C-alpha atoms as a PDB file:
ATOM      1  CA  MET A   1       7.426  75.660   0.663  1.00  0.00           C
ATOM      2  CA  VAL A   2       4.226  74.154   1.977  1.00  0.00           C
ATOM      3  CA  SER A   3       4.939  73.803   5.696  1.00  0.00           C
ATOM      4  CA  LYS A   4       4.102  70.720   7.309  1.00  0.00           C
ATOM      5  CA  GLN A   5       1.421  72.352   9.441  1.00  0.00           C
ATOM      6  CA  GLU A   6      -0.373  73.648   6.125  1.00  0.00           C
ATOM      7  CA  TYR A   7       0.052  70.166   4.651  1.00  0.00           C
ATOM      8  CA  GLU A   8      -1.643  68.447   7.409  1.00  0.00           C
ATOM      9  CA  LYS A   9      -4.296  71.324   7.777  1.00  0.00           C
ATOM     10  CA  ARG A  10      -5.932  70.891   4.411  1.00  0.00           C
ATOM     11  CA  THR A  11      -7.635  68.164   2.857  1.00  0.00           C
ATOM     12  CA  LYS A  12      -6.637  65.668   0.258  1.00  0.00           C
ATOM     13  CA  GLU A  13      -9.663  67.269  -2.342  1.00  0.00           C
ATOM     14  CA  TYR A  14      -8.034  70.852  -1.745  1.00  0.00           C
ATOM     15  CA  TRP A  15      -4.514  69.516  -2.704  1.00  0.00           C
ATOM     16  CA  LYS A  16      -6.046  67.648  -5.889  1.00  0.00           C
ATOM     17  CA  THR A  17      -6.713  71.394  -7.236  1.00  0.00           C
ATOM     18  CA  VAL A  18      -3.403  72.867  -6.518  1.00  0.00           C
ATOM     19  CA  LYS A  19      -0.366  72.968  -8.971  1.00  0.00           C
ATOM     20  CA  VAL A  20       3.022  73.199  -7.663  1.00  0.00           C
ATOM     21  CA  LYS A  21       6.803  73.744  -8.777  1.00  0.00           C
ATOM     22  CA  THR A  22       9.522  71.635  -7.349  1.00  0.00           C
ATOM     23  CA  ASN A  23      12.134  73.667  -5.036  1.00  0.00           C
ATOM     24  CA  CYS A  24      15.027  71.166  -5.555  1.00  0.00           C
ATOM     25  CA  ILE A  25      15.780  68.195  -7.647  1.00  0.00           C
ATOM     26  CA  LEU A  26      13.361  65.436  -6.800  1.00  0.00           C
ATOM     27  CA  ARG A  27      14.954  61.551  -7.283  1.00  0.00           C
ATOM     28  CA  ASN A  28      13.756  58.102  -6.571  1.00  0.00           C
ATOM     29  CA  GLY A  29      15.595  54.994  -7.940  1.00  0.00           C
ATOM     30  CA  ILE A  30      14.494  55.333 -11.365  1.00  0.00           C
ATOM     31  CA  ILE A  31      13.821  58.966 -12.409  1.00  0.00           C
ATOM     32  CA  GLU A  32      14.714  62.507 -11.509  1.00  0.00           C
ATOM     33  CA  ILE A  33      12.541  65.752 -11.483  1.00  0.00           C
ATOM     34  CA  PRO A  34      14.576  68.830 -12.154  1.00  0.00           C
ATOM     35  CA  LYS A  35      14.128  71.998  -9.993  1.00  0.00           C
ATOM     36  CA  GLY A  36      11.275  74.368 -10.988  1.00  0.00           C
ATOM     37  CA  THR A  37       9.390  71.802 -12.719  1.00  0.00           C
ATOM     38  CA  LEU A  38       5.417  72.150 -12.947  1.00  0.00           C
ATOM     39  CA  CYS A  39       3.744  69.182 -11.347  1.00  0.00           C
ATOM     40  CA  ALA A  40      -0.372  68.389 -10.093  1.00  0.00           C
ATOM     41  CA  ILE A  41      -0.583  66.984  -6.836  1.00  0.00           C
ATOM     42  CA  VAL A  42      -2.146  63.826  -7.308  1.00  0.00           C
ATOM     43  CA  ARG A  43      -2.495  62.454  -3.911  1.00  0.00           C
ATOM     44  CA  LYS A  44      -1.720  63.094  -0.213  1.00  0.00           C
ATOM     45  CA  GLY A  45      -0.893  60.625   2.069  1.00  0.00           C
ATOM     46  CA  GLY A  46       2.783  60.238   3.508  1.00  0.00           C
ATOM     47  CA  GLY A  47       3.913  63.137   1.685  1.00  0.00           C
ATOM     48  CA  PHE A  48       2.625  64.490  -2.011  1.00  0.00           C
ATOM     49  CA  THR A  49       2.528  62.197  -5.269  1.00  0.00           C
ATOM     50  CA  LEU A  50       3.155  64.316  -8.008  1.00  0.00           C
ATOM     51  CA  GLN A  51       2.440  64.265 -11.671  1.00  0.00           C
ATOM     52  CA  ALA A  52       4.970  66.261 -13.725  1.00  0.00           C
ATOM     53  CA  GLU A  53       3.983  68.269 -16.831  1.00  0.00           C
ATOM     54  CA  PRO A  54       4.639  66.272 -20.084  1.00  0.00           C
ATOM     55  CA  CYS A  55       7.944  66.715 -21.691  1.00  0.00           C
ATOM     56  CA  LYS A  56       7.575  69.293 -24.502  1.00  0.00           C
ATOM     57  CA  THR A  57       9.942  67.075 -26.645  1.00  0.00           C
ATOM     58  CA  CYS A  58       8.874  63.493 -25.864  1.00  0.00           C
ATOM     59  CA  GLY A  59       5.588  63.923 -23.816  1.00  0.00           C
ATOM     60  CA  VAL A  60       6.467  61.664 -21.071  1.00  0.00           C
ATOM     61  CA  SER A  61       4.926  62.544 -17.962  1.00  0.00           C
ATOM     62  CA  VAL A  62       6.522  61.377 -14.534  1.00  0.00           C
ATOM     63  CA  LEU A  63       4.763  60.315 -11.918  1.00  0.00           C
ATOM     64  CA  ILE A  64       6.965  60.607  -8.078  1.00  0.00           C
ATOM     65  CA  SER A  65       5.499  59.774  -4.475  1.00  0.00           C
ATOM     66  CA  LYS A  66       6.164  60.132  -1.152  1.00  0.00           C
ATOM     67  CA  VAL A  67       7.515  64.185  -1.591  1.00  0.00           C
ATOM     68  CA  PRO A  68       8.216  66.205   1.407  1.00  0.00           C
ATOM     69  CA  PRO A  69       5.839  69.161   1.364  1.00  0.00           C
ATOM     70  CA  GLU A  70       8.643  71.087   2.163  1.00  0.00           C
ATOM     71  CA  ASP A  71      10.171  70.429  -1.472  1.00  0.00           C
ATOM     72  CA  VAL A  72       7.429  72.060  -3.370  1.00  0.00           C
ATOM     73  CA  TYR A  73       5.836  75.600  -3.233  1.00  0.00           C
ATOM     74  CA  VAL A  74       2.686  76.257  -4.423  1.00  0.00           C
ATOM     75  CA  VAL A  75       1.836  78.115  -7.664  1.00  0.00           C
ATOM     76  CA  SER A  76      -1.880  78.098  -8.154  1.00  0.00           C
END
């Protein structure tokens, strides 16, 4: 889990280099990203904007914004 303190301390440039996994299901009004999905951080501001790894079957890659830092953990 990324703590709010760590989220605030690190720059947006740093976060763009980090890969994370979701530690819960992430939903908005349109899509749902399963727990354990590998994502890249695209932006920091009001939470993370994440881009999920492309689906191995269809190639679709989902983008979701305003993800609380507590909903992901760093993998690299």
